[in-house]
Structures are given as C-alpha cells and as structure tokens.
Amino acid sequence: MTISRLRAVNGATEVLLQENKEMSQLIVISAIGTDRRGAVQDLSQAILDSGGNILESRMTRLGREFAMLVLVEGNWHALGKLEQSLQKLEHDAGLSISLKQTEKAGAAAERLPYAIDVISLDQQGIVYELSRFLASRDVDITEVSTRSYAAAHTGAPMFAVQMNVGVPASLSIAQLREDFLELSDSLNLDAIIEPIKP
C-alpha cells in the first residue's frame, strides 16, 4: 500500500471515529428490584455486552429493595441492543427498569459547590425544610442522601442528611451561613455548610 493510500485510509478512519463520537448518545437507566446478590453484576454486564459505557452510577438499598441509577453512553446501535437486553433482564430477574434519553449537563454558570451535613433526632419534614430554604435562595441541590439509624448509646432514632449544592456566586455566603444556622437552630439540627474542596 502506498503512503498516500495509507494516509487516505487513516484520514477516513479519523472521520469515522469523529462521526461515531458525535453520534454518541446518553441514556439514564433506573432499575428497582428485590435486593439480591448479582443484581449489579447482571445490569453492568448487559451494558458491557451491548457496547455501552457507564459514565456515572448510584446504587442503594431501600428496605428489602435495591435501586440503581446509571448514566450510559453509546451509539444508537449499542443503545438499541442494550434496550433489548434490558427487556430480557427485566423479565428474567424481576426488575422494574426504565430508560430515558438525556444530554450532557451544561456547565453550572457562576455556582459555587458546597456541602451540607445534618444530624438530628428523627422528625418529619427535615428534607422538606432544607429544600424549601435552599430553593428560596436559588441554591441548586445536585445530590442528596439521607439515612435513619439508632444512636450508639441511647438507641434514640436519628436522621442524617448529606447534600451537595450549587450556590449562586452573587449570593452572600456570610448571609447564607447565618440564615442556615438560624434554620438549624429552629429545627434543632446539628448542621454545617462548607465549600467542597477540589
């Protein structure tokens, strides 16, 4: 093969690779089912076998159930194959699976990443009050996790919340902290808000 022909082939390959990259799609998969060993393996194998690529994932137990959220990247062919595999997995493994096409998240314009940690005696409305407080100040909640547990020595029912949020750069951090501490005091929460370090 001549050098000019090799260059032409390489050039065509680069064009095809670029086209494949541009044709890449994103889907979010949610799966819920009775907790059992191998559930995550089954789902991740279906994604791998179809040619999809896991970009992000979350998995947790909720009672006797498990729930998993996965962001998958792939071309149309891979995602079509994956959809068929997931239908079979849903039937065979007794899972409830749903898919939703999505796009890459845009850059968070002028938002500062902060973390919120809360511990308190378990009481109704904690997540609601926190989310209402943040929404009223245009603070985005990007991730939230909660859990209930018994206190080590007393056995008292406790509740913990962890949040990642995006604070508008125009918002006064000092005022936000002061208002947040007032809210925490009014609800009897042990809470902190601090910047997420890179």
Protein backbone atom coordinates (compact mmCIF):
# COMPACT_ATOMS: atom_id res chain seq x y z
CA MET A 1 0.00 0.00 0.00
CA THR A 2 1.39 3.43 -0.92
CA ILE A 3 1.95 6.16 1.64
CA SER A 4 -0.70 8.35 0.01
CA ARG A 5 -3.20 5.46 0.12
CA LEU A 6 -2.33 4.80 3.79
CA ARG A 7 -2.89 8.47 4.58
CA ALA A 8 -6.26 8.35 2.85
CA VAL A 9 -7.29 5.27 4.84
CA ASN A 10 -6.11 6.82 8.10
CA GLY A 11 -7.96 10.01 7.25
CA ALA A 12 -11.17 8.07 6.60
CA THR A 13 -10.72 6.22 9.89
CA GLU A 14 -10.34 9.52 11.75
CA VAL A 15 -13.51 10.83 10.09
CA LEU A 16 -15.41 7.66 11.07
CA LEU A 17 -14.12 7.87 14.65
CA GLN A 18 -15.16 11.51 14.84
CA GLU A 19 -18.60 10.69 13.40
CA ASN A 20 -19.05 7.85 15.91
CA LYS A 21 -18.07 10.18 18.72
CA GLU A 22 -20.58 12.78 17.55
CA MET A 23 -23.28 10.12 17.18
CA SER A 24 -22.77 9.05 20.79
CA GLN A 25 -25.96 9.24 22.85
CA LEU A 26 -26.71 9.28 26.56
CA ILE A 27 -29.43 7.41 28.41
CA VAL A 28 -30.33 7.17 32.07
CA ILE A 29 -31.33 3.73 33.30
CA SER A 30 -33.25 3.28 36.54
CA ALA A 31 -33.64 -0.22 37.95
CA ILE A 32 -35.55 -1.26 41.06
CA GLY A 33 -35.93 -4.79 42.36
CA THR A 34 -35.70 -7.09 45.34
CA ASP A 35 -32.19 -6.94 46.76
CA ARG A 36 -30.10 -9.98 45.81
CA ARG A 37 -26.51 -10.87 45.10
CA GLY A 38 -25.51 -10.33 41.48
CA ALA A 39 -28.12 -7.69 40.59
CA VAL A 40 -25.50 -5.01 39.90
CA GLN A 41 -23.37 -7.53 38.00
CA ASP A 42 -26.32 -8.50 35.76
CA LEU A 43 -27.10 -4.90 34.89
CA SER A 44 -23.49 -3.89 34.30
CA GLN A 45 -22.90 -6.99 32.15
CA ALA A 46 -25.88 -6.13 29.94
CA ILE A 47 -24.41 -2.66 29.45
CA LEU A 48 -20.94 -4.03 28.69
CA ASP A 49 -22.18 -6.72 26.28
CA SER A 50 -24.18 -4.17 24.31
CA GLY A 51 -21.17 -1.90 23.83
CA GLY A 52 -22.39 0.81 26.19
CA ASN A 53 -20.14 2.67 28.61
CA ILE A 54 -21.11 3.56 32.20
CA LEU A 55 -20.29 7.22 32.91
CA GLU A 56 -21.96 7.60 36.32
CA SER A 57 -23.91 5.34 38.64
CA ARG A 58 -25.60 5.27 42.04
CA MET A 59 -26.89 2.22 43.89
CA THR A 60 -28.54 1.89 47.28
CA ARG A 61 -30.66 -0.45 49.37
CA LEU A 62 -34.10 0.76 50.40
CA GLY A 63 -35.69 -1.70 52.79
CA ARG A 64 -35.57 -5.07 51.02
CA GLU A 65 -35.32 -3.42 47.61
CA PHE A 66 -32.33 -2.03 45.77
CA ALA A 67 -32.38 0.91 43.40
CA MET A 68 -29.78 1.77 40.80
CA LEU A 69 -29.37 4.78 38.53
CA VAL A 70 -26.88 4.59 35.67
CA LEU A 71 -25.82 7.10 33.03
CA VAL A 72 -24.77 5.17 29.92
CA GLU A 73 -23.07 6.41 26.77
CA GLY A 74 -23.18 4.62 23.42
CA ASN A 75 -24.10 4.92 19.77
CA TRP A 76 -27.64 4.19 18.55
CA HIS A 77 -26.77 0.59 17.69
CA ALA A 78 -25.34 -0.12 21.15
CA LEU A 79 -28.24 1.52 22.96
CA GLY A 80 -30.79 -0.33 20.82
CA LYS A 81 -29.09 -3.60 21.65
CA LEU A 82 -28.99 -2.59 25.32
CA GLU A 83 -32.71 -1.84 25.35
CA GLN A 84 -33.44 -5.38 24.12
CA SER A 85 -31.09 -6.88 26.73
CA LEU A 86 -32.73 -4.87 29.50
CA GLN A 87 -36.20 -6.04 28.47
CA LYS A 88 -34.99 -9.63 28.86
CA LEU A 89 -33.27 -8.82 32.16
CA GLU A 90 -36.42 -7.12 33.43
CA HIS A 91 -38.41 -10.27 32.72
CA ASP A 92 -35.83 -12.82 33.91
CA ALA A 93 -34.65 -11.01 37.06
CA GLY A 94 -37.96 -9.45 38.13
CA LEU A 95 -36.63 -5.91 37.87
CA SER A 96 -38.53 -2.74 37.08
CA ILE A 97 -36.35 -0.93 34.53
CA SER A 98 -36.93 2.35 32.74
CA LEU A 99 -34.82 4.28 30.26
CA LYS A 100 -34.72 7.97 29.42
CA GLN A 101 -32.65 9.73 26.80
CA THR A 102 -30.69 12.70 28.11
CA GLU A 103 -27.90 15.11 27.20
CA LYS A 104 -24.67 16.16 28.83
CA ALA A 105 -25.18 18.60 31.67
CA GLY A 106 -24.24 22.15 30.86
CA ALA A 107 -21.62 23.94 32.88
CA ALA A 108 -23.00 25.33 36.12
CA ALA A 109 -22.73 29.04 35.45
CA GLU A 110 -21.40 31.06 38.36
CA ARG A 111 -22.25 28.50 41.04
CA LEU A 112 -20.03 27.54 43.94
CA PRO A 113 -20.01 23.90 45.13
CA TYR A 114 -20.94 23.50 48.80
CA ALA A 115 -21.72 20.51 51.02
CA ILE A 116 -24.37 20.37 53.73
CA ASP A 117 -24.27 17.81 56.56
CA VAL A 118 -27.14 17.47 59.01
CA ILE A 119 -27.69 15.17 62.00
CA SER A 120 -30.71 15.32 64.29
CA LEU A 121 -33.26 13.33 66.17
CA ASP A 122 -35.57 11.81 63.59
CA GLN A 123 -38.53 14.07 62.88
CA GLN A 124 -40.86 14.67 59.97
CA GLY A 125 -40.17 17.41 57.44
CA ILE A 126 -36.39 17.82 57.70
CA VAL A 127 -35.72 17.28 53.98
CA TYR A 128 -38.68 19.49 53.08
CA GLU A 129 -37.50 22.36 55.29
CA LEU A 130 -33.93 22.15 53.94
CA SER A 131 -35.05 22.02 50.32
CA ARG A 132 -37.51 24.90 50.85
CA PHE A 133 -34.77 27.01 52.42
CA LEU A 134 -32.38 26.33 49.53
CA ALA A 135 -34.96 26.84 46.77
CA SER A 136 -35.97 30.22 48.23
CA ARG A 137 -32.35 31.34 47.75
CA ASP A 138 -31.92 29.87 44.25
CA VAL A 139 -29.44 27.25 45.54
CA ASP A 140 -29.38 24.12 43.37
CA ILE A 141 -29.42 20.70 45.04
CA THR A 142 -27.18 18.46 42.93
CA GLU A 143 -27.10 15.40 45.18
CA VAL A 144 -28.85 14.32 48.37
CA SER A 145 -28.56 11.27 50.60
CA THR A 146 -30.46 10.51 53.81
CA ARG A 147 -30.47 7.69 56.34
CA SER A 148 -32.13 6.77 59.60
CA TYR A 149 -30.26 4.95 62.37
CA ALA A 150 -30.26 4.33 66.12
CA ALA A 151 -27.92 6.40 68.29
CA ALA A 152 -24.99 4.33 69.58
CA HIS A 153 -25.54 4.66 73.34
CA THR A 154 -29.16 5.64 73.78
CA GLY A 155 -30.80 3.91 70.81
CA ALA A 156 -32.66 7.13 70.01
CA PRO A 157 -33.92 7.37 66.40
CA MET A 158 -31.55 9.60 64.45
CA PHE A 159 -31.65 11.10 60.95
CA ALA A 160 -28.72 12.21 58.78
CA VAL A 161 -28.73 14.24 55.55
CA GLN A 162 -25.86 14.92 53.18
CA MET A 163 -26.35 17.34 50.29
CA ASN A 164 -24.19 18.75 47.54
CA VAL A 165 -25.44 22.13 46.36
CA GLY A 166 -24.57 24.88 43.90
CA VAL A 167 -24.63 28.34 45.47
CA PRO A 168 -25.06 31.34 43.13
CA ALA A 169 -21.87 33.41 43.08
CA SER A 170 -23.99 36.52 43.59
CA LEU A 171 -25.33 35.23 46.92
CA SER A 172 -23.65 36.44 50.10
CA ILE A 173 -22.05 33.37 51.68
CA ALA A 174 -21.95 35.07 55.09
CA GLN A 175 -25.70 35.77 54.93
CA LEU A 176 -26.40 32.24 53.68
CA ARG A 177 -24.46 30.76 56.62
CA GLU A 178 -26.26 33.00 59.12
CA ASP A 179 -29.70 32.12 57.72
CA PHE A 180 -28.79 28.42 57.59
CA LEU A 181 -27.69 28.44 61.24
CA GLU A 182 -30.97 30.14 62.22
CA LEU A 183 -32.92 27.46 60.38
CA SER A 184 -30.84 24.71 62.02
CA ASP A 185 -31.40 26.19 65.48
CA SER A 186 -35.15 26.49 64.89
CA LEU A 187 -35.37 22.81 63.87
CA ASN A 188 -32.84 21.62 66.47
CA LEU A 189 -30.44 20.33 63.83
CA ASP A 190 -26.69 19.81 64.18
CA ALA A 191 -25.74 21.12 60.74
CA ILE A 192 -22.85 22.60 58.79
CA ILE A 193 -22.45 24.11 55.33
CA GLU A 194 -18.95 24.28 53.86
CA PRO A 195 -17.27 24.56 50.46
CA ILE A 196 -16.42 21.38 48.56
CA LYS A 197 -12.67 21.33 48.03
CA PRO A 198 -11.41 20.17 44.61
